[in-house]
Amino acid sequence: FVMLTDASWTIILLSVVMSFAGQMGDI
């Protein structure tokens, strides 16, 4: 999404955090 949109590199870290939040929903 950094490459294809105007999003900053912050989105990479936030993506990992969101991944963990999703895993906690699964847990």
PDB file of all heavy atoms in Angstrom:
ATOM      1  N   PHE A   1       0.817  -1.211   0.000  1.00  0.00           N
ATOM      2  CA  PHE A   1       0.000   0.000   0.000  1.00  0.00           C
ATOM      3  C   PHE A   1       0.853   1.264   0.000  1.00  0.00           C
ATOM      4  O   PHE A   1       0.421   2.295  -0.515  1.00  0.00           O
ATOM      5  CB  PHE A   1      -0.972  -0.016   1.185  1.00  0.00           C
ATOM      6  CG  PHE A   1      -2.240  -0.762   0.903  1.00  0.00           C
ATOM      7  CD1 PHE A   1      -2.274  -2.148   0.941  1.00  0.00           C
ATOM      8  CD2 PHE A   1      -3.407  -0.087   0.566  1.00  0.00           C
ATOM      9  CE1 PHE A   1      -3.436  -2.852   0.659  1.00  0.00           C
ATOM     10  CE2 PHE A   1      -4.575  -0.768   0.283  1.00  0.00           C
ATOM     11  CZ  PHE A   1      -4.595  -2.159   0.325  1.00  0.00           C
ATOM     12  N   VAL A   2       2.062   1.194   0.546  1.00  0.00           N
ATOM     13  CA  VAL A   2       2.980   2.330   0.437  1.00  0.00           C
ATOM     14  C   VAL A   2       3.356   2.563  -1.017  1.00  0.00           C
ATOM     15  O   VAL A   2       3.435   3.704  -1.500  1.00  0.00           O
ATOM     16  CB  VAL A   2       4.248   2.087   1.286  1.00  0.00           C
ATOM     17  CG1 VAL A   2       5.335   3.117   0.943  1.00  0.00           C
ATOM     18  CG2 VAL A   2       3.921   2.162   2.765  1.00  0.00           C
ATOM     19  N   MET A   3       3.566   1.482  -1.741  1.00  0.00           N
ATOM     20  CA  MET A   3       3.981   1.569  -3.144  1.00  0.00           C
ATOM     21  C   MET A   3       2.846   1.996  -4.061  1.00  0.00           C
ATOM     22  O   MET A   3       3.073   2.681  -5.062  1.00  0.00           O
ATOM     23  CB  MET A   3       4.535   0.209  -3.591  1.00  0.00           C
ATOM     24  CG  MET A   3       5.787  -0.231  -2.853  1.00  0.00           C
ATOM     25  SD  MET A   3       6.298  -1.929  -3.266  1.00  0.00           S
ATOM     26  CE  MET A   3       6.613  -1.758  -5.023  1.00  0.00           C
ATOM     27  N   LEU A   4       1.622   1.606  -3.738  1.00  0.00           N
ATOM     28  CA  LEU A   4       0.503   1.831  -4.650  1.00  0.00           C
ATOM     29  C   LEU A   4      -0.357   3.036  -4.280  1.00  0.00           C
ATOM     30  O   LEU A   4      -1.193   3.452  -5.088  1.00  0.00           O
ATOM     31  CB  LEU A   4      -0.383   0.579  -4.703  1.00  0.00           C
ATOM     32  CG  LEU A   4       0.279  -0.705  -5.220  1.00  0.00           C
ATOM     33  CD1 LEU A   4      -0.716  -1.852  -5.183  1.00  0.00           C
ATOM     34  CD2 LEU A   4       0.816  -0.498  -6.635  1.00  0.00           C
ATOM     35  N   THR A   5      -0.183   3.577  -3.072  1.00  0.00           N
ATOM     36  CA  THR A   5      -1.010   4.693  -2.631  1.00  0.00           C
ATOM     37  C   THR A   5      -0.121   5.803  -2.077  1.00  0.00           C
ATOM     38  O   THR A   5       1.103   5.733  -2.141  1.00  0.00           O
ATOM     39  CB  THR A   5      -2.013   4.256  -1.535  1.00  0.00           C
ATOM     40  OG1 THR A   5      -1.289   3.985  -0.333  1.00  0.00           O
ATOM     41  CG2 THR A   5      -2.770   3.009  -1.964  1.00  0.00           C
ATOM     42  N   ASP A   6      -0.756   6.820  -1.504  1.00  0.00           N
ATOM     43  CA  ASP A   6      -0.021   7.933  -0.902  1.00  0.00           C
ATOM     44  C   ASP A   6       0.277   7.702   0.580  1.00  0.00           C
ATOM     45  O   ASP A   6       0.709   8.620   1.284  1.00  0.00           O
ATOM     46  CB  ASP A   6      -0.831   9.232  -1.048  1.00  0.00           C
ATOM     47  CG  ASP A   6      -0.997   9.641  -2.504  1.00  0.00           C
ATOM     48  OD1 ASP A   6      -0.085   9.336  -3.300  1.00  0.00           O
ATOM     49  OD2 ASP A   6      -2.032  10.247  -2.838  1.00  0.00           O
ATOM     50  N   ALA A   7       0.052   6.510   1.058  1.00  0.00           N
ATOM     51  CA  ALA A   7       0.279   6.213   2.473  1.00  0.00           C
ATOM     52  C   ALA A   7       1.762   6.338   2.813  1.00  0.00           C
ATOM     53  O   ALA A   7       2.635   6.039   1.995  1.00  0.00           O
ATOM     54  CB  ALA A   7      -0.207   4.811   2.801  1.00  0.00           C
ATOM     55  N   SER A   8       2.062   6.765   4.042  1.00  0.00           N
ATOM     56  CA  SER A   8       3.441   6.872   4.496  1.00  0.00           C
ATOM     57  C   SER A   8       3.923   5.511   4.996  1.00  0.00           C
ATOM     58  O   SER A   8       3.148   4.561   5.122  1.00  0.00           O
ATOM     59  CB  SER A   8       3.547   7.910   5.619  1.00  0.00           C
ATOM     60  OG  SER A   8       2.991   7.393   6.818  1.00  0.00           O
ATOM     61  N   TRP A   9       5.228   5.454   5.320  1.00  0.00           N
ATOM     62  CA  TRP A   9       5.798   4.204   5.805  1.00  0.00           C
ATOM     63  C   TRP A   9       5.219   3.800   7.156  1.00  0.00           C
ATOM     64  O   TRP A   9       5.386   2.654   7.594  1.00  0.00           O
ATOM     65  CB  TRP A   9       7.327   4.330   5.887  1.00  0.00           C
ATOM     66  CG  TRP A   9       7.964   4.359   4.543  1.00  0.00           C
ATOM     67  CD1 TRP A   9       8.345   5.475   3.840  1.00  0.00           C
ATOM     68  CD2 TRP A   9       8.272   3.248   3.707  1.00  0.00           C
ATOM     69  NE1 TRP A   9       8.874   5.118   2.626  1.00  0.00           N
ATOM     70  CE2 TRP A   9       8.850   3.752   2.508  1.00  0.00           C
ATOM     71  CE3 TRP A   9       8.121   1.865   3.842  1.00  0.00           C
ATOM     72  CZ2 TRP A   9       9.267   2.937   1.469  1.00  0.00           C
ATOM     73  CZ3 TRP A   9       8.545   1.042   2.807  1.00  0.00           C
ATOM     74  CH2 TRP A   9       9.101   1.569   1.640  1.00  0.00           C
ATOM     75  N   THR A  10       4.524   4.726   7.819  1.00  0.00           N
ATOM     76  CA  THR A  10       3.876   4.405   9.097  1.00  0.00           C
ATOM     77  C   THR A  10       2.896   3.243   8.954  1.00  0.00           C
ATOM     78  O   THR A  10       2.660   2.486   9.902  1.00  0.00           O
ATOM     79  CB  THR A  10       3.116   5.645   9.630  1.00  0.00           C
ATOM     80  OG1 THR A  10       3.989   6.760   9.657  1.00  0.00           O
ATOM     81  CG2 THR A  10       2.545   5.387  11.015  1.00  0.00           C
ATOM     82  N   ILE A  11       2.354   3.111   7.755  1.00  0.00           N
ATOM     83  CA  ILE A  11       1.324   2.106   7.522  1.00  0.00           C
ATOM     84  C   ILE A  11       1.869   0.690   7.701  1.00  0.00           C
ATOM     85  O   ILE A  11       1.121  -0.234   8.039  1.00  0.00           O
ATOM     86  CB  ILE A  11       0.723   2.273   6.098  1.00  0.00           C
ATOM     87  CG1 ILE A  11      -0.631   1.588   6.008  1.00  0.00           C
ATOM     88  CG2 ILE A  11       1.644   1.716   5.040  1.00  0.00           C
ATOM     89  CD1 ILE A  11      -1.709   2.244   6.806  1.00  0.00           C
ATOM     90  N   ILE A  12       3.165   0.507   7.530  1.00  0.00           N
ATOM     91  CA  ILE A  12       3.751  -0.824   7.671  1.00  0.00           C
ATOM     92  C   ILE A  12       3.691  -1.276   9.128  1.00  0.00           C
ATOM     93  O   ILE A  12       3.247  -2.383   9.438  1.00  0.00           O
ATOM     94  CB  ILE A  12       5.207  -0.844   7.159  1.00  0.00           C
ATOM     95  CG1 ILE A  12       5.236  -0.476   5.667  1.00  0.00           C
ATOM     96  CG2 ILE A  12       5.837  -2.221   7.399  1.00  0.00           C
ATOM     97  CD1 ILE A  12       6.636  -0.358   5.107  1.00  0.00           C
ATOM     98  N   LEU A  13       4.134  -0.384  10.025  1.00  0.00           N
ATOM     99  CA  LEU A  13       4.065  -0.712  11.453  1.00  0.00           C
ATOM    100  C   LEU A  13       2.624  -0.887  11.903  1.00  0.00           C
ATOM    101  O   LEU A  13       2.301  -1.832  12.642  1.00  0.00           O
ATOM    102  CB  LEU A  13       4.734   0.390  12.273  1.00  0.00           C
ATOM    103  CG  LEU A  13       4.659   0.233  13.802  1.00  0.00           C
ATOM    104  CD1 LEU A  13       5.320  -1.076  14.242  1.00  0.00           C
ATOM    105  CD2 LEU A  13       5.312   1.422  14.491  1.00  0.00           C
ATOM    106  N   LEU A  14       1.749   0.001  11.444  1.00  0.00           N
ATOM    107  CA  LEU A  14       0.346  -0.105  11.825  1.00  0.00           C
ATOM    108  C   LEU A  14      -0.267  -1.395  11.293  1.00  0.00           C
ATOM    109  O   LEU A  14      -1.126  -1.995  11.944  1.00  0.00           O
ATOM    110  CB  LEU A  14      -0.433   1.108  11.313  1.00  0.00           C
ATOM    111  CG  LEU A  14      -1.884   1.230  11.785  1.00  0.00           C
ATOM    112  CD1 LEU A  14      -1.964   1.234  13.303  1.00  0.00           C
ATOM    113  CD2 LEU A  14      -2.534   2.488  11.217  1.00  0.00           C
ATOM    114  N   SER A  15       0.170  -1.844  10.132  1.00  0.00           N
ATOM    115  CA  SER A  15      -0.331  -3.095   9.566  1.00  0.00           C
ATOM    116  C   SER A  15       0.004  -4.278  10.469  1.00  0.00           C
ATOM    117  O   SER A  15      -0.829  -5.170  10.680  1.00  0.00           O
ATOM    118  CB  SER A  15       0.262  -3.326   8.167  1.00  0.00           C
ATOM    119  OG  SER A  15      -0.164  -2.335   7.256  1.00  0.00           O
ATOM    120  N   VAL A  16       1.218  -4.280  11.016  1.00  0.00           N
ATOM    121  CA  VAL A  16       1.624  -5.364  11.909  1.00  0.00           C
ATOM    122  C   VAL A  16       0.813  -5.317  13.205  1.00  0.00           C
ATOM    123  O   VAL A  16       0.365  -6.353  13.719  1.00  0.00           O
ATOM    124  CB  VAL A  16       3.132  -5.282  12.213  1.00  0.00           C
ATOM    125  CG1 VAL A  16       3.535  -6.359  13.232  1.00  0.00           C
ATOM    126  CG2 VAL A  16       3.940  -5.447  10.932  1.00  0.00           C
ATOM    127  N   VAL A  17       0.594  -4.100  13.731  1.00  0.00           N
ATOM    128  CA  VAL A  17      -0.199  -3.947  14.953  1.00  0.00           C
ATOM    129  C   VAL A  17      -1.637  -4.420  14.712  1.00  0.00           C
ATOM    130  O   VAL A  17      -2.234  -5.099  15.546  1.00  0.00           O
ATOM    131  CB  VAL A  17      -0.189  -2.487  15.432  1.00  0.00           C
ATOM    132  CG1 VAL A  17      -1.133  -2.296  16.621  1.00  0.00           C
ATOM    133  CG2 VAL A  17       1.224  -2.063  15.814  1.00  0.00           C
ATOM    134  N   MET A  18      -2.191  -4.063  13.535  1.00  0.00           N
ATOM    135  CA  MET A  18      -3.544  -4.492  13.201  1.00  0.00           C
ATOM    136  C   MET A  18      -3.613  -6.008  13.048  1.00  0.00           C
ATOM    137  O   MET A  18      -4.608  -6.641  13.404  1.00  0.00           O
ATOM    138  CB  MET A  18      -4.007  -3.818  11.911  1.00  0.00           C
ATOM    139  CG  MET A  18      -4.186  -2.314  12.030  1.00  0.00           C
ATOM    140  SD  MET A  18      -5.482  -1.881  13.199  1.00  0.00           S
ATOM    141  CE  MET A  18      -6.900  -2.526  12.344  1.00  0.00           C
ATOM    142  N   SER A  19      -2.547  -6.591  12.522  1.00  0.00           N
ATOM    143  CA  SER A  19      -2.474  -8.051  12.397  1.00  0.00           C
ATOM    144  C   SER A  19      -2.556  -8.702  13.769  1.00  0.00           C
ATOM    145  O   SER A  19      -3.302  -9.676  13.972  1.00  0.00           O
ATOM    146  CB  SER A  19      -1.164  -8.444  11.708  1.00  0.00           C
ATOM    147  OG  SER A  19      -0.981  -9.852  11.723  1.00  0.00           O
ATOM    148  N   PHE A  20      -1.806  -8.155  14.721  1.00  0.00           N
ATOM    149  CA  PHE A  20      -1.826  -8.697  16.080  1.00  0.00           C
ATOM    150  C   PHE A  20      -3.201  -8.522  16.722  1.00  0.00           C
ATOM    151  O   PHE A  20      -3.699  -9.433  17.404  1.00  0.00           O
ATOM    152  CB  PHE A  20      -0.762  -8.011  16.931  1.00  0.00           C
ATOM    153  CG  PHE A  20      -0.711  -8.503  18.343  1.00  0.00           C
ATOM    154  CD1 PHE A  20      -0.264  -9.788  18.627  1.00  0.00           C
ATOM    155  CD2 PHE A  20      -1.117  -7.701  19.391  1.00  0.00           C
ATOM    156  CE1 PHE A  20      -0.222 -10.262  19.934  1.00  0.00           C
ATOM    157  CE2 PHE A  20      -1.071  -8.153  20.697  1.00  0.00           C
ATOM    158  CZ  PHE A  20      -0.629  -9.442  20.972  1.00  0.00           C
ATOM    159  N   ALA A  21      -3.844  -7.361  16.473  1.00  0.00           N
ATOM    160  CA  ALA A  21      -5.194  -7.131  17.016  1.00  0.00           C
ATOM    161  C   ALA A  21      -6.170  -8.157  16.455  1.00  0.00           C
ATOM    162  O   ALA A  21      -7.029  -8.674  17.170  1.00  0.00           O
ATOM    163  CB  ALA A  21      -5.656  -5.712  16.675  1.00  0.00           C
ATOM    164  N   GLY A  22      -6.029  -8.455  15.159  1.00  0.00           N
ATOM    165  CA  GLY A  22      -6.878  -9.473  14.553  1.00  0.00           C
ATOM    166  C   GLY A  22      -6.635 -10.844  15.156  1.00  0.00           C
ATOM    167  O   GLY A  22      -7.572 -11.612  15.416  1.00  0.00           O
ATOM    168  N   GLN A  23      -5.364 -11.170  15.402  1.00  0.00           N
ATOM    169  CA  GLN A  23      -5.039 -12.456  16.027  1.00  0.00           C
ATOM    170  C   GLN A  23      -5.619 -12.554  17.433  1.00  0.00           C
ATOM    171  O   GLN A  23      -6.062 -13.616  17.861  1.00  0.00           O
ATOM    172  CB  GLN A  23      -3.523 -12.637  16.061  1.00  0.00           C
ATOM    173  CG  GLN A  23      -2.907 -12.863  14.684  1.00  0.00           C
ATOM    174  CD  GLN A  23      -1.393 -12.786  14.703  1.00  0.00           C
ATOM    175  OE1 GLN A  23      -0.799 -12.157  15.582  1.00  0.00           O
ATOM    176  NE2 GLN A  23      -0.751 -13.415  13.731  1.00  0.00           N
ATOM    177  N   MET A  24      -5.649 -11.424  18.146  1.00  0.00           N
ATOM    178  CA  MET A  24      -6.240 -11.424  19.482  1.00  0.00           C
ATOM    179  C   MET A  24      -7.762 -11.611  19.411  1.00  0.00           C
ATOM    180  O   MET A  24      -8.361 -12.214  20.299  1.00  0.00           O
ATOM    181  CB  MET A  24      -5.896 -10.127  20.206  1.00  0.00           C
ATOM    182  CG  MET A  24      -4.442 -10.011  20.619  1.00  0.00           C
ATOM    183  SD  MET A  24      -3.897 -11.355  21.739  1.00  0.00           S
ATOM    184  CE  MET A  24      -3.115 -12.498  20.569  1.00  0.00           C
ATOM    185  N   GLY A  25      -8.376 -11.091  18.341  1.00  0.00           N
ATOM    186  CA  GLY A  25      -9.799 -11.350  18.136  1.00  0.00           C
ATOM    187  C   GLY A  25     -10.050 -12.832  17.929  1.00  0.00           C
ATOM    188  O   GLY A  25     -11.016 -13.400  18.466  1.00  0.00           O
ATOM    189  N   ASP A  26      -9.166 -13.467  17.186  1.00  0.00           N
ATOM    190  CA  ASP A  26      -9.254 -14.908  16.951  1.00  0.00           C
ATOM    191  C   ASP A  26      -9.055 -15.679  18.263  1.00  0.00           C
ATOM    192  O   ASP A  26      -9.786 -16.645  18.557  1.00  0.00           O
ATOM    193  CB  ASP A  26      -8.183 -15.308  15.929  1.00  0.00           C
ATOM    194  CG  ASP A  26      -8.297 -16.764  15.502  1.00  0.00           C
ATOM    195  OD1 ASP A  26      -9.408 -17.318  15.569  1.00  0.00           O
ATOM    196  OD2 ASP A  26      -7.272 -17.341  15.104  1.00  0.00           O
ATOM    197  N   ILE A  27      -8.086 -15.250  19.049  1.00  0.00           N
ATOM    198  CA  ILE A  27      -7.823 -15.892  20.332  1.00  0.00           C
ATOM    199  C   ILE A  27      -9.016 -15.753  21.272  1.00  0.00           C
ATOM    200  O   ILE A  27      -9.393 -16.696  21.990  1.00  0.00           O
ATOM    201  CB  ILE A  27      -6.558 -15.296  20.986  1.00  0.00           C
ATOM    202  CG1 ILE A  27      -5.300 -15.762  20.250  1.00  0.00           C
ATOM    203  CG2 ILE A  27      -6.475 -15.656  22.458  1.00  0.00           C
ATOM    204  CD1 ILE A  27      -4.987 -17.234  20.417  1.00  0.00           C
TER     205      ILE A  27
END
